[in-house]
Amino acid sequence: MKDLNQPASKEKAIALGFTIAIHVVAITGLLFLGMSKPPEAPKQIKTVLINPEDLPPLEAKPLEQTDSTETTDTQVAENIQQTAEPDPIAPELPTTQPQQPKVDLQKAANEAKAAEQKLQAEQAALLAAQAIKDKADIDAKAKTDAANQAAKDKAAADKAAKDKAAANQAAKDKAATNQAAKDKAAADKAAKDKAAANQAAKDKAATNQAAKDKAAADKAAKDKAATNQAAKDKAAADKAAKDKAAANQAAKDKAAADKAAKDKAATNQAAKDKAAADKAAKDKAASDKAERDAEEKASSAEKARLEAANKKAEAKQIASTAKRDFESKVRNAWRMPADSSGQKATARVTLTDNGAVASVIVSASDPDVKASVEQAVRSAAPYPMPADPDARREARSFTSSFTVK
């Protein structure tokens, strides 16, 4: 990877040294390969003046991670054109010293110098382009900063103008509010004065009318009192006649009421007797039904209990048979270790619903016996589990004892 922290002067020194080394190798090749084709004349270097505004903006390219180590001298080597191609098939040199061909050393030196000048010109062009880019970036940043400052100044001026307009509007609104309050106070006072004058006129008229109404009321009261006395006398006479007729009618009504009460009492007693008889019959029927329901419920509960007990006993029987089969399967898979005669072990096994071994705990003093029993338990899996859920739940764990013979 490139060393980006390496100074530019060091890169130039490396490039210049690499260029000199390349030309030394080329001159040496020309000395030994004088019969090869003459090198081409170096291309003429042209200087072109460029206006900075005509240059396109340079785009920064991200650095790429590569596996190979890349240095500045390898980049320079890629940009240098070889002035002469060596002959891939070198002639065999005789044992005797052949006559050395004449080589134009001055021409080769000129070519090396021209190549060096070309490299320096390219580097100068790159530096000039970089300087132009840097100046363009500085000018663009200055323009952007100036535009941002102008926008900030304009925003501040707009805000000040808005604040001033808001203050003027607030002052106008306050003056209008004060004037409206004054106008309302004047209007309210005028309305109160007018209402007071109207109320005084109404009170005077009401006083006069009250005096007239009192006089008329007094006369009407006297006339009414006389009329009422006459009415009272007539009412008293009428009441005496009505009371006598009412007494006679009350005696008749009492006799009829007494007879109706006796009849109603007899009817009510008969209804009560019938209701009591009906209630007794209903109570007896309900009691009989409750007894029958209790007997049926007790019978059903006993039947369910017996069925559950039978099912549980059957599940235990199935689980017991399955456990014996499991123990037999483990014993068939057990390979007794040698030289452990008389050793004992106890295995506590827990299975899953599909017969796989969930856990196995072996208790034994001999480690070989312990390992052999555990291996036998795991080798015998999977175990055939019962189809009944209760029996399968009972058969998921079993304990077996082993003795090495």
Protein backbone atom coordinates (compact mmCIF):
# COMPACT_ATOMS: atom_id res chain seq x y z
CA MET A 1 0.00 0.00 0.00
CA LYS A 2 1.11 3.58 -0.62
CA ASP A 3 2.74 5.47 2.21
CA LEU A 4 0.65 8.68 2.07
CA ASN A 5 2.72 10.31 4.83
CA GLN A 6 5.92 10.16 2.73
CA PRO A 7 7.08 13.73 1.77
CA ALA A 8 6.97 14.82 -1.89
CA SER A 9 10.69 15.66 -1.96
CA LYS A 10 11.54 12.10 -1.02
CA GLU A 11 9.28 10.80 -3.80
CA LYS A 12 11.06 13.05 -6.31
CA ALA A 13 14.47 11.82 -5.15
CA ILE A 14 13.35 8.20 -5.46
CA ALA A 15 11.89 8.83 -8.93
CA LEU A 16 15.03 10.61 -10.09
CA GLY A 17 17.28 7.85 -8.76
CA PHE A 18 15.11 5.21 -10.36
CA THR A 19 15.23 7.07 -13.70
CA ILE A 20 19.05 7.30 -13.58
CA ALA A 21 19.25 3.61 -12.72
CA ILE A 22 17.02 2.73 -15.67
CA HIS A 23 19.19 4.73 -18.04
CA VAL A 24 22.38 3.17 -16.68
CA VAL A 25 20.87 -0.26 -17.32
CA ALA A 26 19.87 0.85 -20.82
CA ILE A 27 23.37 2.12 -21.62
CA THR A 28 24.91 -1.09 -20.34
CA GLY A 29 22.51 -3.07 -22.52
CA LEU A 30 23.50 -1.03 -25.53
CA LEU A 31 27.17 -1.78 -24.87
CA PHE A 32 26.53 -5.52 -24.89
CA LEU A 33 23.85 -5.53 -27.55
CA GLY A 34 25.30 -3.25 -30.18
CA MET A 35 23.83 -5.36 -32.98
CA SER A 36 20.26 -4.62 -31.92
CA LYS A 37 18.02 -2.19 -33.72
CA PRO A 38 18.80 1.49 -33.13
CA PRO A 39 16.52 3.19 -30.59
CA GLU A 40 13.83 5.54 -31.69
CA ALA A 41 14.39 9.26 -31.38
CA PRO A 42 12.83 10.73 -28.25
CA LYS A 43 9.58 12.56 -28.70
CA GLN A 44 9.65 16.30 -28.64
CA ILE A 45 8.30 17.89 -25.46
CA LYS A 46 5.74 20.61 -26.10
CA THR A 47 4.76 23.24 -23.57
CA VAL A 48 1.05 24.21 -23.61
CA LEU A 49 -0.40 27.12 -21.62
CA ILE A 50 -3.75 26.25 -20.00
CA ASN A 51 -6.31 28.66 -18.58
CA PRO A 52 -7.21 27.52 -14.99
CA GLU A 53 -10.95 28.14 -15.65
CA ASP A 54 -10.83 25.62 -18.55
CA LEU A 55 -9.58 22.77 -16.33
CA PRO A 56 -12.29 20.33 -15.09
CA PRO A 57 -12.54 19.96 -11.29
CA LEU A 58 -10.44 17.11 -9.94
CA GLU A 59 -12.37 14.33 -8.23
CA ALA A 60 -10.79 12.67 -5.22
CA LYS A 61 -10.59 8.91 -5.70
CA PRO A 62 -10.79 6.64 -2.65
CA LEU A 63 -7.72 4.60 -1.83
CA GLU A 64 -8.05 0.92 -2.72
CA GLN A 65 -6.65 -1.85 -0.53
CA THR A 66 -4.36 -4.11 -2.54
CA ASP A 67 -2.45 -7.24 -1.64
CA SER A 68 0.81 -6.13 -3.28
CA THR A 69 3.17 -3.52 -1.86
CA GLU A 70 3.08 -0.38 -4.07
CA THR A 71 5.80 2.27 -3.82
CA THR A 72 6.55 5.50 -5.62
CA ASP A 73 9.39 4.02 -7.64
CA THR A 74 7.01 1.38 -9.09
CA GLN A 75 4.62 4.16 -10.23
CA VAL A 76 7.45 6.07 -11.88
CA ALA A 77 8.63 2.91 -13.57
CA GLU A 78 5.19 2.46 -15.16
CA ASN A 79 5.28 5.97 -16.67
CA ILE A 80 8.79 5.63 -18.16
CA GLN A 81 8.96 4.37 -21.73
CA GLN A 82 11.88 2.15 -22.49
CA THR A 83 13.99 3.73 -25.17
CA ALA A 84 15.11 0.45 -26.61
CA GLU A 85 13.75 -3.08 -26.53
CA PRO A 86 16.40 -5.69 -25.71
CA ASP A 87 16.66 -8.65 -28.01
CA PRO A 88 14.84 -11.57 -26.26
CA ILE A 89 17.37 -13.99 -27.79
CA ALA A 90 20.79 -12.78 -26.76
CA PRO A 91 23.68 -13.96 -28.98
CA GLU A 92 26.09 -16.42 -27.51
CA LEU A 93 29.41 -14.83 -26.72
CA PRO A 94 32.43 -16.76 -28.03
CA THR A 95 35.19 -17.76 -25.67
CA THR A 96 37.53 -15.49 -27.52
CA GLN A 97 37.11 -11.79 -27.08
CA PRO A 98 35.04 -10.52 -30.05
CA GLN A 99 35.53 -7.14 -31.51
CA GLN A 100 33.41 -4.62 -29.55
CA PRO A 101 30.90 -2.77 -31.76
CA LYS A 102 30.98 0.95 -31.73
CA VAL A 103 28.24 2.53 -29.63
CA ASP A 104 27.15 6.11 -29.86
CA LEU A 105 27.54 6.99 -26.16
CA GLN A 106 26.72 10.61 -26.80
CA LYS A 107 23.40 9.65 -28.36
CA ALA A 108 22.52 7.38 -25.46
CA ALA A 109 23.42 10.10 -22.97
CA ASN A 110 21.24 12.53 -24.90
CA GLU A 111 18.36 10.08 -24.80
CA ALA A 112 18.78 9.62 -21.04
CA LYS A 113 18.91 13.35 -20.53
CA ALA A 114 15.81 13.84 -22.73
CA ALA A 115 13.92 11.19 -20.76
CA GLU A 116 14.92 12.84 -17.49
CA GLN A 117 13.80 16.23 -18.83
CA LYS A 118 10.48 14.68 -19.90
CA LEU A 119 9.96 13.22 -16.43
CA GLN A 120 10.75 16.54 -14.80
CA ALA A 121 8.35 18.31 -17.17
CA GLU A 122 5.58 15.82 -16.33
CA GLN A 123 6.21 16.30 -12.61
CA ALA A 124 6.19 20.08 -13.06
CA ALA A 125 2.89 19.81 -14.97
CA LEU A 126 1.40 17.71 -12.16
CA LEU A 127 2.55 20.25 -9.57
CA ALA A 128 1.10 23.11 -11.64
CA ALA A 129 -2.23 21.26 -12.02
CA GLN A 130 -2.31 20.62 -8.26
CA ALA A 131 -1.58 24.30 -7.58
CA ILE A 132 -4.37 25.32 -9.94
CA LYS A 133 -6.77 22.90 -8.23
CA ASP A 134 -5.80 24.21 -4.79
CA LYS A 135 -6.35 27.81 -5.93
CA ALA A 136 -9.72 26.84 -7.45
CA ASP A 137 -10.72 25.14 -4.18
CA ILE A 138 -9.70 28.23 -2.18
CA ASP A 139 -11.66 30.51 -4.54
CA ALA A 140 -14.72 28.24 -4.37
CA LYS A 141 -14.55 28.13 -0.56
CA ALA A 142 -14.20 31.94 -0.45
CA LYS A 143 -17.26 32.30 -2.73
CA THR A 144 -19.24 29.84 -0.60
CA ASP A 145 -18.28 31.63 2.62
CA ALA A 146 -19.21 34.98 1.09
CA ALA A 147 -22.57 33.61 -0.08
CA ASN A 148 -23.27 32.09 3.37
CA GLN A 149 -22.36 35.39 5.11
CA ALA A 150 -24.59 37.33 2.70
CA ALA A 151 -27.46 34.93 3.41
CA LYS A 152 -26.91 35.34 7.17
CA ASP A 153 -26.85 39.16 6.82
CA LYS A 154 -30.04 39.09 4.74
CA ALA A 155 -31.76 36.82 7.29
CA ALA A 156 -30.74 39.17 10.13
CA ALA A 157 -32.02 42.20 8.18
CA ASP A 158 -35.31 40.40 7.39
CA LYS A 159 -35.73 39.47 11.06
CA ALA A 160 -35.05 43.07 12.19
CA ALA A 161 -37.61 44.35 9.66
CA LYS A 162 -40.18 41.78 10.84
CA ASP A 163 -39.54 42.67 14.48
CA LYS A 164 -39.96 46.41 13.74
CA ALA A 165 -43.18 45.78 11.78
CA ALA A 166 -44.49 43.58 14.63
CA ALA A 167 -43.66 46.34 17.19
CA ASN A 168 -45.44 48.99 15.06
CA GLN A 169 -48.47 46.74 14.64
CA ALA A 170 -48.54 46.05 18.40
CA ALA A 171 -48.44 49.80 19.13
CA LYS A 172 -51.29 50.41 16.65
CA ASP A 173 -53.33 47.55 18.17
CA LYS A 174 -52.78 48.92 21.70
CA ALA A 175 -53.88 52.44 20.66
CA ALA A 176 -56.96 51.01 18.95
CA THR A 177 -57.77 48.94 22.04
CA ASN A 178 -57.46 51.96 24.33
CA GLN A 179 -59.71 54.07 22.07
CA ALA A 180 -62.27 51.29 21.88
CA ALA A 181 -62.24 51.02 25.70
CA LYS A 182 -62.83 54.80 26.02
CA ASP A 183 -65.67 54.68 23.47
CA LYS A 184 -67.27 51.74 25.26
CA ALA A 185 -67.02 53.46 28.67
CA ALA A 186 -68.76 56.58 27.25
CA ALA A 187 -71.45 54.46 25.61
CA ASP A 188 -72.00 52.46 28.82
CA LYS A 189 -72.38 55.70 30.88
CA ALA A 190 -74.92 57.12 28.40
CA ALA A 191 -76.86 53.85 28.44
CA LYS A 192 -76.87 53.81 32.27
CA ASP A 193 -78.16 57.42 32.45
CA LYS A 194 -80.92 56.68 29.97
CA ALA A 195 -81.87 53.48 31.82
CA ALA A 196 -82.02 55.40 35.13
CA ALA A 197 -84.35 58.04 33.63
CA ASN A 198 -86.60 55.35 32.16
CA GLN A 199 -86.68 53.47 35.48
CA ALA A 200 -87.70 56.66 37.36
CA ALA A 201 -90.60 57.23 34.96
CA LYS A 202 -91.67 53.62 35.29
CA ASP A 203 -91.55 53.81 39.10
CA LYS A 204 -93.77 56.91 39.19
CA ALA A 205 -96.31 55.34 36.84
CA ALA A 206 -96.24 52.16 38.91
CA THR A 207 -96.92 54.14 42.13
CA ASN A 208 -99.97 55.83 40.61
CA GLN A 209 -101.30 52.56 39.26
CA ALA A 210 -100.78 50.87 42.63
CA ALA A 211 -102.95 53.51 44.36
CA LYS A 212 -105.74 52.98 41.83
CA ASP A 213 -105.44 49.20 42.11
CA LYS A 214 -105.63 49.38 45.96
CA ALA A 215 -108.86 51.34 45.91
CA ALA A 216 -110.42 48.93 43.45
CA ALA A 217 -109.19 46.00 45.52
CA ASP A 218 -110.70 47.36 48.72
CA LYS A 219 -114.13 47.71 47.05
CA ALA A 220 -113.86 44.27 45.52
CA ALA A 221 -112.93 42.82 48.92
CA LYS A 222 -116.01 44.25 50.56
CA ASP A 223 -118.26 42.93 47.81
CA LYS A 224 -116.58 39.53 48.01
CA ALA A 225 -117.01 39.37 51.79
CA ALA A 226 -120.75 39.89 51.47
CA THR A 227 -121.02 37.31 48.76
CA ASN A 228 -118.96 34.84 50.76
CA GLN A 229 -121.22 35.15 53.82
CA ALA A 230 -124.28 34.39 51.76
CA ALA A 231 -122.51 31.46 50.20
CA LYS A 232 -121.46 30.17 53.64
CA ASP A 233 -125.03 30.21 54.91
CA LYS A 234 -126.28 28.32 51.88
CA ALA A 235 -123.37 25.89 52.13
CA ALA A 236 -124.16 25.15 55.75
CA ALA A 237 -127.73 24.23 54.88
CA ASP A 238 -126.62 22.12 51.97
CA LYS A 239 -124.04 20.38 54.15
CA ALA A 240 -126.58 19.41 56.77
CA ALA A 241 -128.79 17.82 54.10
CA LYS A 242 -125.81 16.05 52.56
CA ASP A 243 -124.58 14.78 55.93
CA LYS A 244 -127.94 13.19 56.64
CA ALA A 245 -128.05 11.54 53.22
CA ALA A 246 -124.44 10.46 53.61
CA ALA A 247 -125.16 8.86 56.98
CA ASN A 248 -127.96 6.84 55.47
CA GLN A 249 -125.82 5.82 52.55
CA ALA A 250 -122.90 4.96 54.84
CA ALA A 251 -125.06 2.58 56.80
CA LYS A 252 -126.09 0.86 53.57
CA ASP A 253 -122.49 0.78 52.32
CA LYS A 254 -121.23 -0.67 55.62
CA ALA A 255 -123.72 -3.51 55.47
CA ALA A 256 -122.71 -4.27 51.88
CA ALA A 257 -119.00 -3.98 52.75
CA ASP A 258 -119.35 -6.35 55.68
CA LYS A 259 -121.01 -8.94 53.45
CA ALA A 260 -118.35 -8.50 50.71
CA ALA A 261 -115.56 -8.83 53.31
CA LYS A 262 -117.00 -12.09 54.58
CA ASP A 263 -117.28 -13.43 51.02
CA LYS A 264 -113.71 -12.31 50.18
CA ALA A 265 -112.32 -13.88 53.37
CA ALA A 266 -113.93 -17.18 52.49
CA THR A 267 -112.57 -16.99 48.91
CA ASN A 268 -109.08 -16.08 50.14
CA GLN A 269 -109.05 -18.96 52.62
CA ALA A 270 -110.00 -21.41 49.89
CA ALA A 271 -107.23 -20.02 47.61
CA LYS A 272 -104.70 -20.30 50.45
CA ASP A 273 -105.67 -23.88 51.13
CA LYS A 274 -105.30 -24.73 47.43
CA ALA A 275 -101.93 -22.93 47.17
CA ALA A 276 -100.64 -24.80 50.24
CA ALA A 277 -101.70 -28.10 48.73
CA ASP A 278 -100.05 -27.21 45.37
CA LYS A 279 -96.83 -26.13 47.12
CA ALA A 280 -96.69 -29.33 49.14
CA ALA A 281 -97.08 -31.36 45.95
CA LYS A 282 -94.35 -29.34 44.17
CA ASP A 283 -92.00 -29.63 47.15
CA LYS A 284 -92.46 -33.39 47.26
CA ALA A 285 -91.81 -33.66 43.49
CA ALA A 286 -88.68 -31.48 43.76
CA SER A 287 -87.41 -33.52 46.71
CA ASP A 288 -87.94 -36.74 44.80
CA LYS A 289 -86.12 -35.31 41.74
CA ALA A 290 -83.23 -34.04 43.89
CA GLU A 291 -82.84 -37.47 45.45
CA ARG A 292 -82.82 -39.10 42.01
CA ASP A 293 -80.28 -36.53 40.68
CA ALA A 294 -78.04 -37.06 43.72
CA GLU A 295 -78.15 -40.82 43.26
CA GLU A 296 -77.34 -40.47 39.52
CA LYS A 297 -74.49 -38.01 40.23
CA ALA A 298 -73.01 -40.29 42.91
CA SER A 299 -73.28 -43.23 40.54
CA SER A 300 -71.57 -41.26 37.73
CA ALA A 301 -68.80 -40.07 40.05
CA GLU A 302 -68.20 -43.60 41.30
CA LYS A 303 -68.15 -44.87 37.73
CA ALA A 304 -65.67 -42.14 36.68
CA ARG A 305 -63.51 -42.89 39.72
CA LEU A 306 -63.45 -46.58 38.90
CA GLU A 307 -62.64 -45.85 35.25
CA ALA A 308 -59.81 -43.46 36.25
CA ALA A 309 -58.46 -46.00 38.73
CA ASN A 310 -58.62 -48.74 36.11
CA LYS A 311 -56.97 -46.47 33.53
CA LYS A 312 -54.24 -45.47 35.98
CA ALA A 313 -53.64 -49.10 36.93
CA GLU A 314 -53.55 -50.05 33.27
CA ALA A 315 -51.12 -47.19 32.51
CA LYS A 316 -48.87 -48.30 35.37
CA GLN A 317 -48.99 -51.89 34.08
CA ILE A 318 -48.08 -50.74 30.55
CA ALA A 319 -45.30 -48.49 31.92
CA SER A 320 -43.97 -51.34 34.10
CA THR A 321 -43.87 -53.66 31.08
CA ALA A 322 -42.13 -50.95 29.02
CA LYS A 323 -39.54 -50.38 31.77
CA ARG A 324 -38.77 -54.12 31.89
CA ASP A 325 -38.32 -54.05 28.12
CA PHE A 326 -36.01 -51.03 28.45
CA GLU A 327 -33.89 -52.80 31.09
CA SER A 328 -33.66 -55.89 28.89
CA LYS A 329 -32.61 -53.76 25.95
CA VAL A 330 -29.90 -52.07 28.03
CA ARG A 331 -28.63 -55.42 29.39
CA ASN A 332 -28.42 -56.82 25.84
CA ALA A 333 -26.38 -53.77 24.79
CA TRP A 334 -24.11 -53.90 27.90
CA ARG A 335 -20.57 -55.07 27.37
CA MET A 336 -19.18 -56.08 30.77
CA PRO A 337 -15.63 -54.80 31.31
CA ALA A 338 -12.94 -57.38 31.98
CA ASP A 339 -11.34 -57.77 35.43
CA SER A 340 -14.37 -56.17 37.12
CA SER A 341 -16.18 -59.26 38.37
CA GLY A 342 -18.54 -58.58 41.25
CA GLN A 343 -18.65 -54.83 40.65
CA LYS A 344 -22.11 -53.25 40.83
CA ALA A 345 -23.70 -50.19 39.29
CA THR A 346 -27.06 -48.42 39.40
CA ALA A 347 -28.34 -46.36 36.46
CA ARG A 348 -31.09 -43.77 36.72
CA VAL A 349 -32.35 -42.96 33.19
CA THR A 350 -34.67 -40.18 32.01
CA LEU A 351 -36.15 -40.38 28.48
CA THR A 352 -37.93 -37.95 26.18
CA ASP A 353 -41.40 -38.56 24.74
CA ASN A 354 -39.90 -40.01 21.56
CA GLY A 355 -37.63 -42.46 23.44
CA ALA A 356 -34.33 -40.55 23.27
CA VAL A 357 -32.05 -40.38 26.31
CA ALA A 358 -32.52 -37.07 28.12
CA SER A 359 -30.15 -37.86 30.98
CA VAL A 360 -28.42 -40.86 32.57
CA ILE A 361 -26.85 -40.94 36.05
CA VAL A 362 -24.74 -44.01 36.85
CA SER A 363 -23.54 -44.73 40.40
CA ALA A 364 -20.59 -47.13 40.52
CA SER A 365 -17.25 -47.37 42.33
CA ASP A 366 -15.44 -48.74 39.26
CA PRO A 367 -15.07 -46.10 36.52
CA ASP A 368 -14.92 -48.77 33.78
CA VAL A 369 -18.19 -50.30 34.94
CA LYS A 370 -19.76 -46.83 35.16
CA ALA A 371 -18.65 -45.94 31.61
CA SER A 372 -19.81 -49.31 30.20
CA VAL A 373 -23.28 -48.99 31.77
CA GLU A 374 -23.70 -45.40 30.50
CA GLN A 375 -22.56 -46.50 27.04
CA ALA A 376 -25.08 -49.37 27.07
CA VAL A 377 -27.95 -47.03 28.05
CA ARG A 378 -27.12 -44.61 25.23
CA SER A 379 -26.47 -47.39 22.67
CA ALA A 380 -29.88 -48.98 23.34
CA ALA A 381 -31.71 -45.73 22.43
CA PRO A 382 -34.22 -44.94 21.07
CA TYR A 383 -36.57 -46.83 23.38
CA PRO A 384 -40.08 -47.79 22.19
CA MET A 385 -42.41 -45.53 24.20
CA PRO A 386 -46.05 -46.54 24.97
CA ALA A 387 -48.78 -44.90 22.91
CA ASP A 388 -50.92 -44.03 25.96
CA PRO A 389 -49.91 -40.55 27.31
CA ASP A 390 -50.19 -41.60 30.98
CA ALA A 391 -48.19 -44.78 30.42
CA ARG A 392 -45.60 -42.85 28.39
CA ARG A 393 -45.26 -40.31 31.21
CA GLU A 394 -44.75 -43.15 33.75
CA ALA A 395 -42.19 -44.89 31.51
CA ARG A 396 -40.00 -41.81 30.91
CA SER A 397 -37.82 -42.59 33.95
CA PHE A 398 -36.59 -45.92 35.25
CA THR A 399 -33.80 -47.26 37.48
CA SER A 400 -31.84 -50.42 36.79
CA SER A 401 -29.11 -52.26 38.70
CA PHE A 402 -26.15 -54.06 37.08
CA THR A 403 -23.64 -56.61 38.47
CA VAL A 404 -20.56 -57.69 36.54
CA LYS A 405 -20.33 -61.50 36.38
